[in-house]
C-alpha atoms as a PDB file:
ATOM      1  CA  GLY A   1     176.622 195.865 260.963  1.00  0.00           C
ATOM      2  CA  GLN A   2     175.789 193.559 258.114  1.00  0.00           C
ATOM      3  CA  VAL A   3     173.710 190.517 259.111  1.00  0.00           C
ATOM      4  CA  ASN A   4     174.397 187.212 257.349  1.00  0.00           C
ATOM      5  CA  LYS A   5     171.073 186.215 255.763  1.00  0.00           C
ATOM      6  CA  MET A   6     172.330 182.951 254.256  1.00  0.00           C
ATOM      7  CA  VAL A   7     171.321 179.885 256.253  1.00  0.00           C
ATOM      8  CA  ASN A   8     173.035 176.518 256.373  1.00  0.00           C
ATOM      9  CA  SER A   9     171.637 174.144 253.769  1.00  0.00           C
ATOM     10  CA  TYR A  10     170.577 170.688 254.845  1.00  0.00           C
ATOM     11  CA  GLY A  11     169.399 169.278 251.498  1.00  0.00           C
ATOM     12  CA  LEU A  12     169.614 165.705 250.293  1.00  0.00           C
ATOM     13  CA  ARG A  13     172.869 166.349 248.415  1.00  0.00           C
ATOM     14  CA  SER A  14     174.396 169.037 250.618  1.00  0.00           C
ATOM     15  CA  GLY A  15     178.157 168.730 251.081  1.00  0.00           C
ATOM     16  CA  THR A  16     178.641 166.450 248.084  1.00  0.00           C
ATOM     17  CA  ARG A  17     180.451 168.856 245.709  1.00  0.00           C
ATOM     18  CA  ASP A  18     183.670 166.820 245.833  1.00  0.00           C
ATOM     19  CA  MET A  19     182.129 163.528 246.978  1.00  0.00           C
ATOM     20  CA  PHE A  20     179.935 162.993 243.935  1.00  0.00           C
ATOM     21  CA  SER A  21     182.198 164.707 241.373  1.00  0.00           C
ATOM     22  CA  LYS A  22     184.008 162.485 238.909  1.00  0.00           C
ATOM     23  CA  ASP A  23     187.760 162.503 238.562  1.00  0.00           C
ATOM     24  CA  PHE A  24     189.686 164.285 235.805  1.00  0.00           C
ATOM     25  CA  LYS A  25     189.332 162.536 232.411  1.00  0.00           C
ATOM     26  CA  THR A  26     186.707 160.094 233.787  1.00  0.00           C
ATOM     27  CA  LYS A  27     183.655 162.241 233.071  1.00  0.00           C
ATOM     28  CA  GLY A  28     181.040 161.233 230.530  1.00  0.00           C
ATOM     29  CA  MET A  29     179.199 158.030 229.764  1.00  0.00           C
ATOM     30  CA  GLU A  30     179.610 154.967 231.939  1.00  0.00           C
ATOM     31  CA  HIS A  31     181.568 152.041 230.467  1.00  0.00           C
ATOM     32  CA  LEU A  32     179.592 148.989 229.408  1.00  0.00           C
ATOM     33  CA  SER A  33     181.808 146.751 231.565  1.00  0.00           C
ATOM     34  CA  THR A  34     180.052 148.246 234.617  1.00  0.00           C
ATOM     35  CA  TYR A  35     176.798 146.621 233.496  1.00  0.00           C
ATOM     36  CA  LEU A  36     178.336 143.245 232.640  1.00  0.00           C
ATOM     37  CA  ILE A  37     179.498 142.368 236.145  1.00  0.00           C
ATOM     38  CA  ASN A  38     177.519 139.557 237.756  1.00  0.00           C
ATOM     39  CA  TYR A  39     176.458 140.167 241.352  1.00  0.00           C
ATOM     40  CA  LYS A  40     175.234 137.310 243.519  1.00  0.00           C
ATOM     41  CA  VAL A  41     173.466 137.269 246.869  1.00  0.00           C
ATOM     42  CA  GLY A  42     176.100 137.289 249.609  1.00  0.00           C
ATOM     43  CA  ASP A  43     178.756 139.220 247.631  1.00  0.00           C
ATOM     44  CA  TYR A  44     180.483 142.079 249.406  1.00  0.00           C
ATOM     45  CA  VAL A  45     180.254 145.405 247.533  1.00  0.00           C
ATOM     46  CA  ASP A  46     181.541 148.922 248.090  1.00  0.00           C
ATOM     47  CA  VAL A  47     179.108 151.769 247.527  1.00  0.00           C
ATOM     48  CA  LYS A  48     180.778 154.473 245.432  1.00  0.00           C
ATOM     49  CA  VAL A  49     178.312 156.971 244.055  1.00  0.00           C
ATOM     50  CA  ASN A  50     178.623 157.880 240.370  1.00  0.00           C
ATOM     51  CA  GLY A  51     177.501 161.509 240.162  1.00  0.00           C
ATOM     52  CA  ALA A  52     176.707 161.253 236.446  1.00  0.00           C
ATOM     53  CA  ILE A  53     173.847 158.785 237.003  1.00  0.00           C
ATOM     54  CA  HIS A  54     171.069 160.235 239.140  1.00  0.00           C
ATOM     55  CA  LYS A  55     168.730 157.241 239.064  1.00  0.00           C
ATOM     56  CA  GLY A  56     169.160 154.657 241.812  1.00  0.00           C
ATOM     57  CA  MET A  57     171.626 156.869 243.665  1.00  0.00           C
ATOM     58  CA  PRO A  58     172.107 156.072 247.362  1.00  0.00           C
ATOM     59  CA  HIS A  59     172.152 158.751 250.067  1.00  0.00           C
ATOM     60  CA  LYS A  60     175.510 160.419 250.674  1.00  0.00           C
ATOM     61  CA  PHE A  61     175.834 158.612 254.028  1.00  0.00           C
ATOM     62  CA  TYR A  62     176.344 155.265 252.259  1.00  0.00           C
ATOM     63  CA  HIS A  63     179.096 156.572 249.957  1.00  0.00           C
ATOM     64  CA  GLY A  64     182.282 154.682 250.844  1.00  0.00           C
ATOM     65  CA  LYS A  65     180.521 151.999 252.904  1.00  0.00           C
ATOM     66  CA  THR A  66     180.825 148.269 252.361  1.00  0.00           C
ATOM     67  CA  GLY A  67     177.793 146.001 252.484  1.00  0.00           C
ATOM     68  CA  ARG A  68     176.516 142.579 251.504  1.00  0.00           C
ATOM     69  CA  ILE A  69     174.069 141.898 248.689  1.00  0.00           C
ATOM     70  CA  PHE A  70     170.706 140.518 249.831  1.00  0.00           C
ATOM     71  CA  ASN A  71     168.693 140.955 246.629  1.00  0.00           C
ATOM     72  CA  VAL A  72     169.377 141.202 242.910  1.00  0.00           C
ATOM     73  CA  THR A  73     166.925 142.882 240.512  1.00  0.00           C
ATOM     74  CA  LYS A  74     167.112 143.758 236.814  1.00  0.00           C
ATOM     75  CA  ARG A  75     169.108 146.968 237.079  1.00  0.00           C
ATOM     76  CA  ALA A  76     169.904 147.221 240.774  1.00  0.00           C
ATOM     77  CA  VAL A  77     170.979 145.251 243.798  1.00  0.00           C
ATOM     78  CA  GLY A  78     169.864 145.331 247.406  1.00  0.00           C
ATOM     79  CA  VAL A  79     172.739 146.014 249.787  1.00  0.00           C
ATOM     80  CA  GLU A  80     172.641 145.432 253.534  1.00  0.00           C
ATOM     81  CA  MET A  81     175.049 147.415 255.695  1.00  0.00           C
ATOM     82  CA  ASN A  82     175.521 148.731 259.191  1.00  0.00           C
ATOM     83  CA  LYS A  83     174.747 152.267 260.295  1.00  0.00           C
ATOM     84  CA  ARG A  84     175.641 153.660 263.683  1.00  0.00           C
ATOM     85  CA  VAL A  85     172.638 155.422 265.217  1.00  0.00           C
ATOM     86  CA  ASN A  86     173.561 157.024 268.554  1.00  0.00           C
ATOM     87  CA  THR A  87     174.634 154.069 270.737  1.00  0.00           C
ATOM     88  CA  ARG A  88     173.577 151.162 268.592  1.00  0.00           C
ATOM     89  CA  ILE A  89     174.344 149.698 265.171  1.00  0.00           C
ATOM     90  CA  VAL A  90     171.331 149.228 262.899  1.00  0.00           C
ATOM     91  CA  LYS A  91     171.254 146.994 259.801  1.00  0.00           C
ATOM     92  CA  LYS A  92     170.111 149.111 256.866  1.00  0.00           C
ATOM     93  CA  ARG A  93     168.872 147.713 253.553  1.00  0.00           C
ATOM     94  CA  ILE A  94     169.042 149.897 250.459  1.00  0.00           C
ATOM     95  CA  HIS A  95     168.528 149.235 246.771  1.00  0.00           C
ATOM     96  CA  VAL A  96     171.222 150.773 244.576  1.00  0.00           C
ATOM     97  CA  ARG A  97     171.783 150.761 240.835  1.00  0.00           C
ATOM     98  CA  VAL A  98     174.842 148.817 239.668  1.00  0.00           C
ATOM     99  CA  GLU A  99     176.557 152.021 238.503  1.00  0.00           C
ATOM    100  CA  HIS A 100     176.978 153.058 242.122  1.00  0.00           C
ATOM    101  CA  ILE A 101     178.592 149.865 243.455  1.00  0.00           C
ATOM    102  CA  ARG A 102     181.679 147.780 242.802  1.00  0.00           C
ATOM    103  CA  LYS A 103     182.880 144.412 244.067  1.00  0.00           C
ATOM    104  CA  SER A 104     184.713 144.771 247.353  1.00  0.00           C
ATOM    105  CA  ARG A 105     188.214 143.466 247.933  1.00  0.00           C
ATOM    106  CA  CYS A 106     187.696 143.221 251.697  1.00  0.00           C
ATOM    107  CA  ARG A 107     187.641 139.388 251.738  1.00  0.00           C
ATOM    108  CA  GLU A 108     190.467 138.840 249.229  1.00  0.00           C
ATOM    109  CA  GLU A 109     193.262 138.626 251.788  1.00  0.00           C
ATOM    110  CA  PHE A 110     191.167 136.451 254.097  1.00  0.00           C
ATOM    111  CA  LEU A 111     190.370 133.921 251.346  1.00  0.00           C
ATOM    112  CA  GLN A 112     194.036 133.777 250.324  1.00  0.00           C
ATOM    113  CA  ARG A 113     194.936 133.145 253.965  1.00  0.00           C
ATOM    114  CA  VAL A 114     192.408 130.284 254.172  1.00  0.00           C
ATOM    115  CA  VAL A 115     194.065 128.600 251.170  1.00  0.00           C
ATOM    116  CA  ARG A 116     197.550 129.146 252.614  1.00  0.00           C
ATOM    117  CA  ASN A 117     196.519 127.752 255.998  1.00  0.00           C
ATOM    118  CA  ASP A 118     194.935 124.657 254.424  1.00  0.00           C
ATOM    119  CA  LEU A 119     198.138 123.984 252.483  1.00  0.00           C
ATOM    120  CA  ALA A 120     200.217 124.493 255.626  1.00  0.00           C
ATOM    121  CA  SER A 121     198.047 122.115 257.657  1.00  0.00           C
ATOM    122  CA  LYS A 122     198.305 119.446 254.921  1.00  0.00           C
ATOM    123  CA  GLU A 123     202.075 119.928 254.886  1.00  0.00           C
ATOM    124  CA  PHE A 124     202.146 119.537 258.694  1.00  0.00           C
ATOM    125  CA  LYS A 125     200.177 116.254 258.511  1.00  0.00           C
ATOM    126  CA  LYS A 126     202.608 114.989 255.849  1.00  0.00           C
ATOM    127  CA  SER A 127     206.004 116.090 257.206  1.00  0.00           C
ATOM    128  CA  GLY A 128     205.328 117.351 260.729  1.00  0.00           C
ATOM    129  CA  LYS A 129     206.803 120.779 259.914  1.00  0.00           C
ATOM    130  CA  LYS A 130     204.946 123.328 262.062  1.00  0.00           C
ATOM    131  CA  VAL A 131     204.051 126.735 260.595  1.00  0.00           C
ATOM    132  CA  GLU A 132     202.627 129.750 262.447  1.00  0.00           C
ATOM    133  CA  LEU A 133     199.151 130.291 261.006  1.00  0.00           C
ATOM    134  CA  LYS A 134     198.196 133.332 263.036  1.00  0.00           C
ATOM    135  CA  ARG A 135     198.820 136.831 261.751  1.00  0.00           C
ATOM    136  CA  LEU A 136     201.404 138.621 263.838  1.00  0.00           C
ATOM    137  CA  PRO A 137     202.303 142.281 264.116  1.00  0.00           C
ATOM    138  CA  GLY A 138     205.675 143.318 262.641  1.00  0.00           C
ATOM    139  CA  ALA A 139     208.369 141.750 264.829  1.00  0.00           C
ATOM    140  CA  PRO A 140     211.443 143.766 265.829  1.00  0.00           C
ATOM    141  CA  LYS A 141     214.550 143.349 263.672  1.00  0.00           C
ATOM    142  CA  ALA A 142     217.005 140.621 264.619  1.00  0.00           C
ATOM    143  CA  ALA A 143     220.077 141.505 266.697  1.00  0.00           C
ATOM    144  CA  LYS A 144     223.415 142.015 264.983  1.00  0.00           C
ATOM    145  CA  VAL A 145     226.990 142.750 266.047  1.00  0.00           C
ATOM    146  CA  VAL A 146     228.584 145.898 264.652  1.00  0.00           C
ATOM    147  CA  SER A 147     232.228 145.373 263.735  1.00  0.00           C
ATOM    148  CA  LEU A 148     234.754 148.181 264.056  1.00  0.00           C
ATOM    149  CA  LYS A 149     237.394 146.590 261.807  1.00  0.00           C
ATOM    150  CA  GLN A 150     236.551 149.182 259.179  1.00  0.00           C
ATOM    151  CA  LYS A 151     236.595 152.796 260.300  1.00  0.00           C
ATOM    152  CA  PRO A 152     233.054 154.127 260.680  1.00  0.00           C
ATOM    153  CA  ILE A 153     231.961 156.847 258.238  1.00  0.00           C
ATOM    154  CA  THR A 154     230.734 160.092 259.751  1.00  0.00           C
ATOM    155  CA  ILE A 155     227.934 161.690 257.785  1.00  0.00           C
ATOM    156  CA  THR A 156     227.116 165.355 258.328  1.00  0.00           C
ATOM    157  CA  PRO A 157     224.134 167.156 256.804  1.00  0.00           C
ATOM    158  CA  LEU A 158     224.727 169.816 254.160  1.00  0.00           C
ATOM    159  CA  LYS A 159     224.238 173.409 255.236  1.00  0.00           C
ATOM    160  CA  TYR A 160     220.862 174.737 254.081  1.00  0.00           C
ATOM    161  CA  ASP A 161     221.383 177.172 251.217  1.00  0.00           C
ATOM    162  CA  PRO A 162     218.267 179.168 250.308  1.00  0.00           C
ATOM    163  CA  MET A 163     218.354 179.970 246.599  1.00  0.00           C
ATOM    164  CA  TYR A 164     216.679 183.407 246.707  1.00  0.00           C
END
């Protein structure tokens, strides 16, 4: 029989055909607004590789990961993130060009909650009205009594009618 002579490729960018490709109607030059964003040390950023810019491109492993900025240079930023290596989690530091990162929204909800909780605690000190500050999972719906004064409507599904 025929023997398969093609071997599996393990290159630097193997398996990135869809990962690094740009979406429909977003190909071409990068917008200038990408370069005008100010990044500070301590900011959370998401690594999202822009396949059009090859310089300062992170390894495919970091695509989709969130990290914290530890260094800012002229055209790039240093991002620190976690990587699971076998049984442990290792802090990895990479330098990435600004085209390949964007500000993360991971802390947005937390910061809003901090403001809300502060307002609630001030309200409690003022009026004594207690508010639950902890996040809770979705509670079950409240009980209700079904009245049979009106006759219940019986709903039956329509018979399936294939149109071929």
